[in-house]
């Protein structure tokens, strides 16, 4: 699973869904660069990935990968669209738990270097997520 498709799958299945944060170091380069600040206060690099995973797993302890789709591979770049689902049982960016079930998408592009993620660009459909939680009107 050294290709990007395998890395994206492992990230979502083993780290986000499974909670194995030790894989962050194994699957990313030492100078990993993340171009997405997904959550307020998220630090850069690998610490930011750990921060993001902790926050998502705290807010949605039952988070599951519903699907990983729309694969694209071009040289050392990989991309995919992922649909996640879960129940809001913990604080999320200052919002207390609502008990609501959500489903939201994220799109990721990674640059692979020597079988590890060197860079990440991503977007999460935070609008749909916040609408489902009732934080903003649908």
C-alpha atoms as a PDB file:
ATOM      1  CA  UNK A   1       0.000   0.000   0.000  1.00  0.00           C
ATOM      2  CA  UNK A   2       2.815   2.418  -0.737  1.00  0.00           C
ATOM      3  CA  UNK A   3       0.862   4.275  -3.432  1.00  0.00           C
ATOM      4  CA  UNK A   4      -1.250   7.321  -2.597  1.00  0.00           C
ATOM      5  CA  UNK A   5      -4.543   5.474  -2.939  1.00  0.00           C
ATOM      6  CA  UNK A   6      -3.360   3.059  -0.267  1.00  0.00           C
ATOM      7  CA  UNK A   7      -2.135   5.924   1.905  1.00  0.00           C
ATOM      8  CA  UNK A   8      -5.446   7.747   1.707  1.00  0.00           C
ATOM      9  CA  UNK A   9      -7.341   4.549   2.494  1.00  0.00           C
ATOM     10  CA  UNK A  10      -5.065   3.760   5.429  1.00  0.00           C
ATOM     11  CA  UNK A  11      -5.403   7.311   6.779  1.00  0.00           C
ATOM     12  CA  UNK A  12      -9.187   7.213   6.802  1.00  0.00           C
ATOM     13  CA  UNK A  13      -9.685   3.565   7.791  1.00  0.00           C
ATOM     14  CA  UNK A  14      -6.843   3.076  10.280  1.00  0.00           C
ATOM     15  CA  UNK A  15      -6.254   6.573  11.676  1.00  0.00           C
ATOM     16  CA  UNK A  16      -9.587   8.440  11.440  1.00  0.00           C
ATOM     17  CA  UNK A  17     -11.882   5.437  11.891  1.00  0.00           C
ATOM     18  CA  UNK A  18      -9.537   3.166  13.860  1.00  0.00           C
ATOM     19  CA  UNK A  19      -7.797   5.793  15.993  1.00  0.00           C
ATOM     20  CA  UNK A  20      -4.247   4.523  15.349  1.00  0.00           C
ATOM     21  CA  UNK A  21      -2.424   7.869  15.630  1.00  0.00           C
ATOM     22  CA  UNK A  22       0.998   6.165  15.679  1.00  0.00           C
ATOM     23  CA  UNK A  23       0.568   5.571  11.943  1.00  0.00           C
ATOM     24  CA  UNK A  24       0.831   9.327  11.299  1.00  0.00           C
ATOM     25  CA  UNK A  25       4.616   9.144  11.694  1.00  0.00           C
ATOM     26  CA  UNK A  26       4.845   5.952   9.631  1.00  0.00           C
ATOM     27  CA  UNK A  27       2.772   7.271   6.718  1.00  0.00           C
ATOM     28  CA  UNK A  28       4.180  10.806   6.408  1.00  0.00           C
ATOM     29  CA  UNK A  29       7.587  12.342   5.777  1.00  0.00           C
ATOM     30  CA  UNK A  30       9.469  14.124   8.554  1.00  0.00           C
ATOM     31  CA  UNK A  31       8.900  17.479   6.839  1.00  0.00           C
ATOM     32  CA  UNK A  32       5.224  16.791   6.024  1.00  0.00           C
ATOM     33  CA  UNK A  33       3.400  19.948   4.902  1.00  0.00           C
ATOM     34  CA  UNK A  34      -0.366  20.362   5.241  1.00  0.00           C
ATOM     35  CA  UNK A  35      -1.942  23.158   3.219  1.00  0.00           C
ATOM     36  CA  UNK A  36      -5.319  22.824   4.985  1.00  0.00           C
ATOM     37  CA  UNK A  37      -6.078  24.235   8.417  1.00  0.00           C
ATOM     38  CA  UNK A  38      -9.262  22.254   8.909  1.00  0.00           C
ATOM     39  CA  UNK A  39      -9.964  23.407  12.471  1.00  0.00           C
ATOM     40  CA  UNK A  40      -9.316  26.678  14.309  1.00  0.00           C
ATOM     41  CA  UNK A  41      -6.014  26.524  16.177  1.00  0.00           C
ATOM     42  CA  UNK A  42      -4.745  23.486  14.285  1.00  0.00           C
ATOM     43  CA  UNK A  43      -0.924  23.494  14.356  1.00  0.00           C
ATOM     44  CA  UNK A  44       1.154  22.767  11.240  1.00  0.00           C
ATOM     45  CA  UNK A  45       2.679  19.443  10.187  1.00  0.00           C
ATOM     46  CA  UNK A  46       2.195  16.097  11.870  1.00  0.00           C
ATOM     47  CA  UNK A  47       1.056  17.751  15.113  1.00  0.00           C
ATOM     48  CA  UNK A  48      -1.783  19.302  13.119  1.00  0.00           C
ATOM     49  CA  UNK A  49      -2.825  15.901  11.800  1.00  0.00           C
ATOM     50  CA  UNK A  50      -2.914  14.519  15.352  1.00  0.00           C
ATOM     51  CA  UNK A  51      -4.890  17.580  16.505  1.00  0.00           C
ATOM     52  CA  UNK A  52      -7.414  17.108  13.677  1.00  0.00           C
ATOM     53  CA  UNK A  53      -7.828  13.366  14.269  1.00  0.00           C
ATOM     54  CA  UNK A  54      -8.235  13.855  18.046  1.00  0.00           C
ATOM     55  CA  UNK A  55     -10.860  16.574  17.486  1.00  0.00           C
ATOM     56  CA  UNK A  56     -12.847  14.562  14.932  1.00  0.00           C
ATOM     57  CA  UNK A  57     -12.748  11.372  17.009  1.00  0.00           C
ATOM     58  CA  UNK A  58     -13.785  13.312  20.141  1.00  0.00           C
ATOM     59  CA  UNK A  59     -16.707  14.966  18.348  1.00  0.00           C
ATOM     60  CA  UNK A  60     -17.710  11.795  16.449  1.00  0.00           C
ATOM     61  CA  UNK A  61     -16.445   8.771  18.412  1.00  0.00           C
ATOM     62  CA  UNK A  62     -18.326   6.412  16.086  1.00  0.00           C
ATOM     63  CA  UNK A  63     -16.960   8.032  12.893  1.00  0.00           C
ATOM     64  CA  UNK A  64     -16.955   5.683   9.916  1.00  0.00           C
ATOM     65  CA  UNK A  65     -15.791   5.830   6.334  1.00  0.00           C
ATOM     66  CA  UNK A  66     -18.942   5.424   4.282  1.00  0.00           C
ATOM     67  CA  UNK A  67     -17.083   5.487   0.959  1.00  0.00           C
ATOM     68  CA  UNK A  68     -13.805   6.424  -0.667  1.00  0.00           C
ATOM     69  CA  UNK A  69     -14.360   7.320  -4.292  1.00  0.00           C
ATOM     70  CA  UNK A  70     -13.285   9.407  -7.283  1.00  0.00           C
ATOM     71  CA  UNK A  71      -9.684   8.159  -7.383  1.00  0.00           C
ATOM     72  CA  UNK A  72      -7.131  10.044  -9.431  1.00  0.00           C
ATOM     73  CA  UNK A  73      -3.457   9.164  -9.754  1.00  0.00           C
ATOM     74  CA  UNK A  74      -0.986  11.249 -11.747  1.00  0.00           C
ATOM     75  CA  UNK A  75       2.702  10.666 -11.112  1.00  0.00           C
ATOM     76  CA  UNK A  76       3.361  11.345  -7.440  1.00  0.00           C
ATOM     77  CA  UNK A  77      -0.038  13.004  -6.888  1.00  0.00           C
ATOM     78  CA  UNK A  78      -3.088  11.140  -5.620  1.00  0.00           C
ATOM     79  CA  UNK A  79      -6.607  12.394  -5.005  1.00  0.00           C
ATOM     80  CA  UNK A  80      -9.888  11.049  -3.704  1.00  0.00           C
ATOM     81  CA  UNK A  81     -13.265  12.055  -2.340  1.00  0.00           C
ATOM     82  CA  UNK A  82     -14.282  10.508   0.986  1.00  0.00           C
ATOM     83  CA  UNK A  83     -17.697  10.393   2.659  1.00  0.00           C
ATOM     84  CA  UNK A  84     -17.692  10.118   6.459  1.00  0.00           C
ATOM     85  CA  UNK A  85     -20.564   9.534   8.866  1.00  0.00           C
ATOM     86  CA  UNK A  86     -20.929   9.641  12.618  1.00  0.00           C
ATOM     87  CA  UNK A  87     -22.900  10.814  15.624  1.00  0.00           C
ATOM     88  CA  UNK A  88     -22.057  14.153  17.247  1.00  0.00           C
ATOM     89  CA  UNK A  89     -21.320  13.018  20.810  1.00  0.00           C
ATOM     90  CA  UNK A  90     -18.533  15.451  21.783  1.00  0.00           C
ATOM     91  CA  UNK A  91     -17.553  19.099  21.475  1.00  0.00           C
ATOM     92  CA  UNK A  92     -16.683  20.281  17.941  1.00  0.00           C
ATOM     93  CA  UNK A  93     -15.017  23.681  17.452  1.00  0.00           C
ATOM     94  CA  UNK A  94     -16.782  25.059  20.527  1.00  0.00           C
ATOM     95  CA  UNK A  95     -20.144  23.457  19.719  1.00  0.00           C
ATOM     96  CA  UNK A  96     -21.452  21.050  22.379  1.00  0.00           C
ATOM     97  CA  UNK A  97     -22.636  17.590  21.409  1.00  0.00           C
ATOM     98  CA  UNK A  98     -26.033  17.466  19.699  1.00  0.00           C
ATOM     99  CA  UNK A  99     -26.518  13.708  19.358  1.00  0.00           C
ATOM    100  CA  UNK A 100     -27.265  14.249  15.664  1.00  0.00           C
ATOM    101  CA  UNK A 101     -26.100  11.833  12.982  1.00  0.00           C
ATOM    102  CA  UNK A 102     -24.132  13.452  10.173  1.00  0.00           C
ATOM    103  CA  UNK A 103     -22.683  12.585   6.807  1.00  0.00           C
ATOM    104  CA  UNK A 104     -20.134  14.853   5.132  1.00  0.00           C
ATOM    105  CA  UNK A 105     -17.559  14.772   2.391  1.00  0.00           C
ATOM    106  CA  UNK A 106     -13.908  15.642   2.146  1.00  0.00           C
ATOM    107  CA  UNK A 107     -11.640  15.860  -0.867  1.00  0.00           C
ATOM    108  CA  UNK A 108      -7.929  15.165  -0.510  1.00  0.00           C
ATOM    109  CA  UNK A 109      -4.910  15.575  -2.754  1.00  0.00           C
ATOM    110  CA  UNK A 110      -1.575  14.240  -1.564  1.00  0.00           C
ATOM    111  CA  UNK A 111       1.958  14.307  -2.915  1.00  0.00           C
ATOM    112  CA  UNK A 112       3.775  11.044  -2.280  1.00  0.00           C
ATOM    113  CA  UNK A 113       7.530  10.919  -1.734  1.00  0.00           C
ATOM    114  CA  UNK A 114       9.312   7.606  -1.118  1.00  0.00           C
ATOM    115  CA  UNK A 115       5.992   5.907  -0.286  1.00  0.00           C
ATOM    116  CA  UNK A 116       4.976   8.514   2.310  1.00  0.00           C
ATOM    117  CA  UNK A 117       2.758  11.581   2.257  1.00  0.00           C
ATOM    118  CA  UNK A 118       4.923  14.681   1.840  1.00  0.00           C
ATOM    119  CA  UNK A 119       2.143  17.245   1.225  1.00  0.00           C
ATOM    120  CA  UNK A 120      -1.626  17.401   1.636  1.00  0.00           C
ATOM    121  CA  UNK A 121      -4.264  19.723   0.241  1.00  0.00           C
ATOM    122  CA  UNK A 122      -7.832  19.182   1.326  1.00  0.00           C
ATOM    123  CA  UNK A 123     -11.286  20.571   1.741  1.00  0.00           C
ATOM    124  CA  UNK A 124     -14.040  19.389   4.027  1.00  0.00           C
ATOM    125  CA  UNK A 125     -17.681  20.254   3.459  1.00  0.00           C
ATOM    126  CA  UNK A 126     -17.930  22.154   6.741  1.00  0.00           C
ATOM    127  CA  UNK A 127     -21.052  23.992   5.551  1.00  0.00           C
ATOM    128  CA  UNK A 128     -23.009  20.735   5.187  1.00  0.00           C
ATOM    129  CA  UNK A 129     -21.598  19.481   8.488  1.00  0.00           C
ATOM    130  CA  UNK A 130     -22.588  22.634  10.413  1.00  0.00           C
ATOM    131  CA  UNK A 131     -26.043  22.645   8.787  1.00  0.00           C
ATOM    132  CA  UNK A 132     -26.629  19.038   9.861  1.00  0.00           C
ATOM    133  CA  UNK A 133     -25.555  19.918  13.412  1.00  0.00           C
ATOM    134  CA  UNK A 134     -27.962  22.875  13.444  1.00  0.00           C
ATOM    135  CA  UNK A 135     -25.188  25.446  13.890  1.00  0.00           C
ATOM    136  CA  UNK A 136     -26.304  27.331  10.768  1.00  0.00           C
ATOM    137  CA  UNK A 137     -29.574  27.241   8.835  1.00  0.00           C
ATOM    138  CA  UNK A 138     -29.903  24.723   5.998  1.00  0.00           C
END
